[in-house]
PDB file of N, CA and C in Angstrom:
ATOM      1  N   MET A   1       0.837  -1.112   0.059  1.00  0.00           N
ATOM      2  CA  MET A   1      -0.064   0.155   0.034  1.00  0.00           C
ATOM      3  C   MET A   1       0.669   1.063  -0.008  1.00  0.00           C
ATOM      4  N   LEU A   2       0.113   2.406  -0.799  1.00  0.00           N
ATOM      5  CA  LEU A   2       1.331   3.413  -0.984  1.00  0.00           C
ATOM      6  C   LEU A   2       0.611   4.129   0.266  1.00  0.00           C
ATOM      7  N   SER A   3       1.675   5.234   0.860  1.00  0.00           N
ATOM      8  CA  SER A   3       1.021   6.342   1.454  1.00  0.00           C
ATOM      9  C   SER A   3       0.469   7.205   1.084  1.00  0.00           C
ATOM     10  N   ARG A   4      -0.389   8.326   1.916  1.00  0.00           N
ATOM     11  CA  ARG A   4      -0.750   9.609   1.108  1.00  0.00           C
ATOM     12  C   ARG A   4       0.067  10.067   0.310  1.00  0.00           C
ATOM     13  N   ASP A   5       1.696  10.344   0.854  1.00  0.00           N
ATOM     14  CA  ASP A   5       2.208  11.169   0.220  1.00  0.00           C
ATOM     15  C   ASP A   5       2.761  10.359  -1.046  1.00  0.00           C
ATOM     16  N   GLY A   6       2.552   8.933  -1.353  1.00  0.00           N
ATOM     17  CA  GLY A   6       3.068   8.323  -2.412  1.00  0.00           C
ATOM     18  C   GLY A   6       1.642   8.482  -3.376  1.00  0.00           C
ATOM     19  N   VAL A   7       1.072   7.928  -2.477  1.00  0.00           N
ATOM     20  CA  VAL A   7      -0.383   8.600  -3.793  1.00  0.00           C
ATOM     21  C   VAL A   7      -0.693   9.855  -4.918  1.00  0.00           C
ATOM     22  N   ILE A   8      -0.101  11.035  -3.663  1.00  0.00           N
ATOM     23  CA  ILE A   8      -0.212  12.557  -4.624  1.00  0.00           C
ATOM     24  C   ILE A   8       0.779  12.522  -5.271  1.00  0.00           C
ATOM     25  N   ALA A   9       1.991  12.009  -5.592  1.00  0.00           N
ATOM     26  CA  ALA A   9       3.112  11.612  -5.983  1.00  0.00           C
ATOM     27  C   ALA A   9       2.873  11.145  -7.470  1.00  0.00           C
ATOM     28  N   ARG A  10       2.179  10.013  -6.857  1.00  0.00           N
ATOM     29  CA  ARG A  10       1.761   9.428  -8.750  1.00  0.00           C
ATOM     30  C   ARG A  10       0.947  10.420  -9.208  1.00  0.00           C
ATOM     31  N   PHE A  11       0.040  10.783  -9.188  1.00  0.00           N
ATOM     32  CA  PHE A  11      -0.983  11.719  -9.463  1.00  0.00           C
ATOM     33  C   PHE A  11      -0.262  12.897 -10.363  1.00  0.00           C
ATOM     34  N   VAL A  12       0.773  13.569  -9.494  1.00  0.00           N
ATOM     35  CA  VAL A  12       1.670  14.656  -9.927  1.00  0.00           C
ATOM     36  C   VAL A  12       2.441  14.218 -11.503  1.00  0.00           C
ATOM     37  N   PHE A  13       2.945  12.744 -11.134  1.00  0.00           N
ATOM     38  CA  PHE A  13       3.381  12.462 -12.185  1.00  0.00           C
ATOM     39  C   PHE A  13       2.575  11.951 -13.682  1.00  0.00           C
ATOM     40  N   ALA A  14       1.636  11.553 -12.969  1.00  0.00           N
ATOM     41  CA  ALA A  14       0.578  11.598 -14.065  1.00  0.00           C
ATOM     42  C   ALA A  14      -0.063  12.374 -14.893  1.00  0.00           C
ATOM     43  N   ALA A  15      -0.286  13.708 -14.264  1.00  0.00           N
ATOM     44  CA  ALA A  15      -0.515  14.871 -14.940  1.00  0.00           C
ATOM     45  C   ALA A  15       0.741  15.410 -15.525  1.00  0.00           C
ATOM     46  N   CYS A  16       2.146  15.656 -15.240  1.00  0.00           N
ATOM     47  CA  CYS A  16       3.257  15.683 -15.853  1.00  0.00           C
ATOM     48  C   CYS A  16       3.404  14.435 -17.416  1.00  0.00           C
ATOM     49  N   PHE A  17       3.411  13.308 -17.429  1.00  0.00           N
ATOM     50  CA  PHE A  17       3.244  12.608 -18.188  1.00  0.00           C
ATOM     51  C   PHE A  17       2.039  13.199 -19.373  1.00  0.00           C
ATOM     52  N   TYR A  18       1.046  13.095 -18.613  1.00  0.00           N
ATOM     53  CA  TYR A  18      -0.314  13.708 -19.738  1.00  0.00           C
ATOM     54  C   TYR A  18      -0.183  15.108 -20.443  1.00  0.00           C
ATOM     55  N   PHE A  19       0.383  16.183 -19.233  1.00  0.00           N
ATOM     56  CA  PHE A  19       0.755  17.432 -19.853  1.00  0.00           C
ATOM     57  C   PHE A  19       1.972  17.403 -21.036  1.00  0.00           C
ATOM     58  N   LEU A  20       2.559  16.536 -20.789  1.00  0.00           N
ATOM     59  CA  LEU A  20       4.131  16.370 -22.034  1.00  0.00           C
ATOM     60  C   LEU A  20       3.310  15.882 -23.040  1.00  0.00           C
ATOM     61  N   ALA A  21       2.503  14.899 -23.354  1.00  0.00           N
ATOM     62  CA  ALA A  21       1.925  14.628 -24.531  1.00  0.00           C
ATOM     63  C   ALA A  21       0.783  15.407 -24.938  1.00  0.00           C
ATOM     64  N   GLY A  22       0.188  15.742 -23.890  1.00  0.00           N
ATOM     65  CA  GLY A  22      -1.244  16.330 -24.854  1.00  0.00           C
ATOM     66  C   GLY A  22      -1.069  17.987 -25.257  1.00  0.00           C
ATOM     67  N   SER A  23       0.269  18.997 -24.460  1.00  0.00           N
ATOM     68  CA  SER A  23       0.880  19.699 -25.067  1.00  0.00           C
ATOM     69  C   SER A  23       1.579  19.892 -26.446  1.00  0.00           C
ATOM     70  N   GLN A  24       1.827  18.711 -26.729  1.00  0.00           N
ATOM     71  CA  GLN A  24       2.517  18.558 -27.865  1.00  0.00           C
ATOM     72  C   GLN A  24       4.317  19.074 -27.257  1.00  0.00           C
ATOM     73  N   MET A  25       4.823  18.611 -26.472  1.00  0.00           N
ATOM     74  CA  MET A  25       5.904  18.944 -26.438  1.00  0.00           C
ATOM     75  C   MET A  25       6.711  18.156 -26.738  1.00  0.00           C
ATOM     76  N   ILE A  26       6.552  16.862 -27.004  1.00  0.00           N
ATOM     77  CA  ILE A  26       7.100  15.228 -27.571  1.00  0.00           C
ATOM     78  C   ILE A  26       5.673  14.976 -28.335  1.00  0.00           C
ATOM     79  N   ASP A  27       6.299  14.382 -29.106  1.00  0.00           N
ATOM     80  CA  ASP A  27       5.216  13.484 -30.198  1.00  0.00           C
ATOM     81  C   ASP A  27       6.131  12.339 -30.905  1.00  0.00           C
ATOM     82  N   GLY A  28       5.145  11.700 -31.664  1.00  0.00           N
ATOM     83  CA  GLY A  28       5.255  10.489 -31.772  1.00  0.00           C
ATOM     84  C   GLY A  28       5.383   9.388 -31.061  1.00  0.00           C
ATOM     85  N   TRP A  29       6.599   8.465 -30.717  1.00  0.00           N
ATOM     86  CA  TRP A  29       6.421   6.892 -29.920  1.00  0.00           C
ATOM     87  C   TRP A  29       6.771   7.482 -28.749  1.00  0.00           C
ATOM     88  N   LEU A  30       7.422   8.908 -28.392  1.00  0.00           N
ATOM     89  CA  LEU A  30       7.376   9.076 -27.116  1.00  0.00           C
ATOM     90  C   LEU A  30       6.300   9.385 -26.386  1.00  0.00           C
ATOM     91  N   ALA A  31       5.712  10.151 -27.465  1.00  0.00           N
ATOM     92  CA  ALA A  31       4.331  10.601 -26.516  1.00  0.00           C
ATOM     93  C   ALA A  31       3.295   9.418 -26.379  1.00  0.00           C
ATOM     94  N   THR A  32       3.870   8.836 -27.063  1.00  0.00           N
ATOM     95  CA  THR A  32       2.850   7.636 -27.089  1.00  0.00           C
ATOM     96  C   THR A  32       3.080   6.766 -25.449  1.00  0.00           C
ATOM     97  N   LEU A  33       4.219   6.737 -25.401  1.00  0.00           N
ATOM     98  CA  LEU A  33       5.088   6.229 -23.977  1.00  0.00           C
ATOM     99  C   LEU A  33       4.508   7.038 -22.566  1.00  0.00           C
ATOM    100  N   SER A  34       4.290   8.322 -23.144  1.00  0.00           N
ATOM    101  CA  SER A  34       4.553   9.096 -21.895  1.00  0.00           C
ATOM    102  C   SER A  34       2.927   9.053 -21.937  1.00  0.00           C
ATOM    103  N   GLY A  35       1.918   8.892 -22.975  1.00  0.00           N
ATOM    104  CA  GLY A  35       0.536   8.728 -22.387  1.00  0.00           C
ATOM    105  C   GLY A  35       0.198   7.620 -21.341  1.00  0.00           C
ATOM    106  N   LEU A  36       1.148   6.802 -21.928  1.00  0.00           N
ATOM    107  CA  LEU A  36       0.869   5.063 -21.509  1.00  0.00           C
ATOM    108  C   LEU A  36       1.527   5.033 -19.748  1.00  0.00           C
ATOM    109  N   LEU A  37       2.732   5.435 -19.997  1.00  0.00           N
ATOM    110  CA  LEU A  37       3.077   6.188 -18.435  1.00  0.00           C
ATOM    111  C   LEU A  37       2.169   6.756 -17.265  1.00  0.00           C
ATOM    112  N   GLY A  38       1.171   7.819 -17.887  1.00  0.00           N
ATOM    113  CA  GLY A  38       0.424   8.487 -17.049  1.00  0.00           C
ATOM    114  C   GLY A  38      -0.749   7.520 -16.942  1.00  0.00           C
ATOM    115  N   SER A  39      -1.267   6.830 -18.068  1.00  0.00           N
ATOM    116  CA  SER A  39      -1.930   6.108 -17.635  1.00  0.00           C
ATOM    117  C   SER A  39      -1.548   4.838 -16.527  1.00  0.00           C
ATOM    118  N   VAL A  40      -0.121   4.666 -16.523  1.00  0.00           N
ATOM    119  CA  VAL A  40      -0.259   3.552 -15.541  1.00  0.00           C
ATOM    120  C   VAL A  40       0.218   4.313 -13.987  1.00  0.00           C
ATOM    121  N   GLU A  41       0.897   5.206 -14.063  1.00  0.00           N
ATOM    122  CA  GLU A  41       1.098   6.181 -12.857  1.00  0.00           C
ATOM    123  C   GLU A  41      -0.682   6.678 -12.100  1.00  0.00           C
ATOM    124  N   MET A  42      -1.583   7.038 -12.927  1.00  0.00           N
ATOM    125  CA  MET A  42      -2.921   7.072 -12.631  1.00  0.00           C
ATOM    126  C   MET A  42      -3.654   5.850 -11.670  1.00  0.00           C
ATOM    127  N   ALA A  43      -3.237   4.832 -12.421  1.00  0.00           N
ATOM    128  CA  ALA A  43      -3.838   3.606 -11.854  1.00  0.00           C
ATOM    129  C   ALA A  43      -3.304   3.360 -11.051  1.00  0.00           C
ATOM    130  N   CYS A  44      -2.262   3.254 -10.284  1.00  0.00           N
ATOM    131  CA  CYS A  44      -1.520   3.061  -9.547  1.00  0.00           C
ATOM    132  C   CYS A  44      -1.616   4.032  -8.142  1.00  0.00           C
ATOM    133  N   GLY A  45      -1.959   5.012  -8.508  1.00  0.00           N
ATOM    134  CA  GLY A  45      -2.204   5.879  -7.449  1.00  0.00           C
ATOM    135  C   GLY A  45      -3.436   5.820  -6.923  1.00  0.00           C
ATOM    136  N   LEU A  46      -4.744   5.829  -8.079  1.00  0.00           N
ATOM    137  CA  LEU A  46      -6.334   5.242  -7.962  1.00  0.00           C
ATOM    138  C   LEU A  46      -6.397   3.717  -6.890  1.00  0.00           C
ATOM    139  N   LEU A  47      -5.313   3.342  -7.330  1.00  0.00           N
ATOM    140  CA  LEU A  47      -5.625   1.589  -6.062  1.00  0.00           C
ATOM    141  C   LEU A  47      -4.642   1.807  -5.136  1.00  0.00           C
ATOM    142  N   ARG A  48      -3.735   2.996  -5.060  1.00  0.00           N
ATOM    143  CA  ARG A  48      -3.029   2.869  -3.682  1.00  0.00           C
ATOM    144  C   ARG A  48      -2.012   2.011  -3.292  1.00  0.00           C
ATOM    145  N   TYR A  49      -1.420   0.955  -4.868  1.00  0.00           N
ATOM    146  CA  TYR A  49      -0.493   0.167  -5.079  1.00  0.00           C
ATOM    147  C   TYR A  49       0.696   0.485  -6.092  1.00  0.00           C
ATOM    148  N   SER A  50       1.683  -0.064  -5.614  1.00  0.00           N
ATOM    149  CA  SER A  50       2.453  -0.042  -6.766  1.00  0.00           C
ATOM    150  C   SER A  50       3.672  -1.359  -6.549  1.00  0.00           C
ATOM    151  N   PRO A  51       3.546  -1.974  -8.001  1.00  0.00           N
ATOM    152  CA  PRO A  51       4.335  -3.613  -7.502  1.00  0.00           C
ATOM    153  C   PRO A  51       5.482  -3.107  -7.281  1.00  0.00           C
ATOM    154  N   LEU A  52       5.997  -1.766  -7.941  1.00  0.00           N
ATOM    155  CA  LEU A  52       7.703  -1.811  -7.580  1.00  0.00           C
ATOM    156  C   LEU A  52       8.199  -1.610  -6.177  1.00  0.00           C
ATOM    157  N   VAL A  53       7.213  -0.719  -5.510  1.00  0.00           N
ATOM    158  CA  VAL A  53       7.398  -0.761  -4.209  1.00  0.00           C
ATOM    159  C   VAL A  53       6.985  -2.226  -3.479  1.00  0.00           C
ATOM    160  N   GLU A  54       6.233  -2.946  -3.737  1.00  0.00           N
ATOM    161  CA  GLU A  54       6.018  -4.302  -2.937  1.00  0.00           C
ATOM    162  C   GLU A  54       7.076  -5.219  -3.237  1.00  0.00           C
ATOM    163  N   PHE A  55       7.615  -5.102  -4.557  1.00  0.00           N
ATOM    164  CA  PHE A  55       8.634  -5.686  -4.974  1.00  0.00           C
ATOM    165  C   PHE A  55      10.062  -5.673  -4.174  1.00  0.00           C
ATOM    166  N   ILE A  56      10.069  -4.020  -4.132  1.00  0.00           N
ATOM    167  CA  ILE A  56      11.401  -3.747  -2.861  1.00  0.00           C
ATOM    168  C   ILE A  56      11.444  -4.194  -1.820  1.00  0.00           C
ATOM    169  N   SER A  57       9.973  -3.695  -1.372  1.00  0.00           N
ATOM    170  CA  SER A  57       9.989  -4.003   0.340  1.00  0.00           C
ATOM    171  C   SER A  57      10.131  -5.557   0.130  1.00  0.00           C
ATOM    172  N   SER A  58       9.934  -6.190  -0.673  1.00  0.00           N
ATOM    173  CA  SER A  58       9.944  -7.838  -0.529  1.00  0.00           C
ATOM    174  C   SER A  58      11.121  -8.367  -0.527  1.00  0.00           C
ATOM    175  N   ARG A  59      12.502  -7.782  -0.962  1.00  0.00           N
ATOM    176  CA  ARG A  59      13.634  -8.345  -1.251  1.00  0.00           C
ATOM    177  C   ARG A  59      14.500  -7.658  -0.355  1.00  0.00           C
ATOM    178  N   GLN A  60      14.270  -6.623   0.745  1.00  0.00           N
ATOM    179  CA  GLN A  60      14.876  -5.731   1.772  1.00  0.00           C
ATOM    180  C   GLN A  60      15.092  -7.345   2.704  1.00  0.00           C
ATOM    181  N   CYS A  61      16.759  -7.090   3.445  1.00  0.00           N
ATOM    182  CA  CYS A  61      17.274  -8.072   4.301  1.00  0.00           C
ATOM    183  C   CYS A  61      16.264  -7.845   5.031  1.00  0.00           C
ATOM    184  N   LYS A  62      15.977  -8.848   5.819  1.00  0.00           N
ATOM    185  CA  LYS A  62      15.054  -8.282   7.566  1.00  0.00           C
ATOM    186  C   LYS A  62      16.130  -7.890   8.323  1.00  0.00           C
ATOM    187  N   ILE A  63      15.661  -7.000   9.199  1.00  0.00           N
ATOM    188  CA  ILE A  63      16.643  -6.796  10.153  1.00  0.00           C
ATOM    189  C   ILE A  63      15.890  -6.975  11.523  1.00  0.00           C
ATOM    190  N   PRO A  64      17.002  -7.907  12.731  1.00  0.00           N
ATOM    191  CA  PRO A  64      16.320  -8.389  13.661  1.00  0.00           C
ATOM    192  C   PRO A  64      15.674  -7.488  14.621  1.00  0.00           C
ATOM    193  N   PRO A  65      14.818  -7.688  15.425  1.00  0.00           N
ATOM    194  CA  PRO A  65      14.436  -6.762  16.563  1.00  0.00           C
ATOM    195  C   PRO A  65      15.179  -6.675  16.967  1.00  0.00           C
ATOM    196  N   VAL A  66      15.205  -5.193  17.788  1.00  0.00           N
ATOM    197  CA  VAL A  66      15.669  -4.709  19.094  1.00  0.00           C
ATOM    198  C   VAL A  66      15.572  -5.232  20.475  1.00  0.00           C
ATOM    199  N   ILE A  67      16.486  -5.935  21.277  1.00  0.00           N
ATOM    200  CA  ILE A  67      16.183  -6.741  22.565  1.00  0.00           C
ATOM    201  C   ILE A  67      15.611  -5.938  23.334  1.00  0.00           C
ATOM    202  N   SER A  68      15.983  -4.868  23.729  1.00  0.00           N
ATOM    203  CA  SER A  68      14.914  -3.576  24.676  1.00  0.00           C
ATOM    204  C   SER A  68      15.251  -2.458  24.391  1.00  0.00           C
ATOM    205  N   ASP A  69      13.924  -1.416  24.015  1.00  0.00           N
ATOM    206  CA  ASP A  69      14.070  -0.430  23.770  1.00  0.00           C
ATOM    207  C   ASP A  69      13.964   0.294  24.940  1.00  0.00           C
ATOM    208  N   THR A  70      13.531   0.090  26.100  1.00  0.00           N
ATOM    209  CA  THR A  70      13.855   0.751  27.273  1.00  0.00           C
ATOM    210  C   THR A  70      14.944   0.768  28.177  1.00  0.00           C
ATOM    211  N   PRO A  71      15.540   1.608  28.582  1.00  0.00           N
ATOM    212  CA  PRO A  71      16.674   1.505  29.639  1.00  0.00           C
ATOM    213  C   PRO A  71      16.415   0.809  30.920  1.00  0.00           C
ATOM    214  N   GLN A  72      17.264   0.135  31.328  1.00  0.00           N
ATOM    215  CA  GLN A  72      17.349  -0.717  32.601  1.00  0.00           C
ATOM    216  C   GLN A  72      17.860  -0.041  33.362  1.00  0.00           C
ATOM    217  N   GLU A  73      17.880  -0.625  34.803  1.00  0.00           N
ATOM    218  CA  GLU A  73      18.056   0.274  36.028  1.00  0.00           C
ATOM    219  C   GLU A  73      19.980  -0.200  35.767  1.00  0.00           C
ATOM    220  N   SER A  74      20.427  -1.157  35.410  1.00  0.00           N
ATOM    221  CA  SER A  74      21.574  -1.377  35.274  1.00  0.00           C
ATOM    222  C   SER A  74      22.702  -0.312  34.429  1.00  0.00           C
ATOM    223  N   ASP A  75      21.595   0.203  33.152  1.00  0.00           N
ATOM    224  CA  ASP A  75      22.353   1.176  32.441  1.00  0.00           C
ATOM    225  C   ASP A  75      22.626   2.749  32.955  1.00  0.00           C
ATOM    226  N   HIS A  76      21.839   2.448  34.739  1.00  0.00           N
ATOM    227  CA  HIS A  76      21.748   4.010  35.217  1.00  0.00           C
ATOM    228  C   HIS A  76      22.728   4.023  36.528  1.00  0.00           C
ATOM    229  N   ASN A  77      23.904   3.089  36.397  1.00  0.00           N
ATOM    230  CA  ASN A  77      24.826   3.089  37.580  1.00  0.00           C
ATOM    231  C   ASN A  77      25.706   4.399  38.035  1.00  0.00           C
ATOM    232  N   TRP A  78      25.742   5.364  36.922  1.00  0.00           N
ATOM    233  CA  TRP A  78      26.674   6.592  36.873  1.00  0.00           C
ATOM    234  C   TRP A  78      26.481   7.565  37.869  1.00  0.00           C
ATOM    235  N   ASN A  79      24.894   7.222  38.504  1.00  0.00           N
ATOM    236  CA  ASN A  79      24.465   8.470  39.584  1.00  0.00           C
ATOM    237  C   ASN A  79      24.621   7.956  40.191  1.00  0.00           C
ATOM    238  N   LYS A  80      25.261   6.580  40.960  1.00  0.00           N
ATOM    239  CA  LYS A  80      25.006   6.002  42.192  1.00  0.00           C
ATOM    240  C   LYS A  80      26.676   5.813  42.931  1.00  0.00           C
ATOM    241  N   PRO A  81      26.204   6.435  44.675  1.00  0.00           N
ATOM    242  CA  PRO A  81      27.667   6.243  44.706  1.00  0.00           C
ATOM    243  C   PRO A  81      28.501   5.005  45.008  1.00  0.00           C
ATOM    244  N   THR A  82      29.866   4.888  44.670  1.00  0.00           N
ATOM    245  CA  THR A  82      30.509   3.782  44.722  1.00  0.00           C
ATOM    246  C   THR A  82      31.246   3.682  45.827  1.00  0.00           C
ATOM    247  N   GLU A  83      31.045   2.466  46.400  1.00  0.00           N
ATOM    248  CA  GLU A  83      31.315   1.895  47.626  1.00  0.00           C
ATOM    249  C   GLU A  83      32.919   1.656  47.649  1.00  0.00           C
ATOM    250  N   LYS A  84      33.229   1.805  48.848  1.00  0.00           N
ATOM    251  CA  LYS A  84      34.932   1.889  48.790  1.00  0.00           C
ATOM    252  C   LYS A  84      35.093   0.217  50.149  1.00  0.00           C
TER     253      LYS A  84
END
């Protein structure tokens, strides 16, 4: 699932691709490709799903969980007086 920012970015990319092809800044096969990419980005934004994001997240190595995030009492021995 894409986050809200990811969805907004997909809509912006789609609008840019459509603008390039629609304003005839590019033409021919490049305009066709731009229109196709605009449609793909629009579909990804509407579905809140990106196959590329899912592929990258599934291929990442797993990070082991942290043993303890809370400080232990033994971590704060610096403020206790030492015995002689």
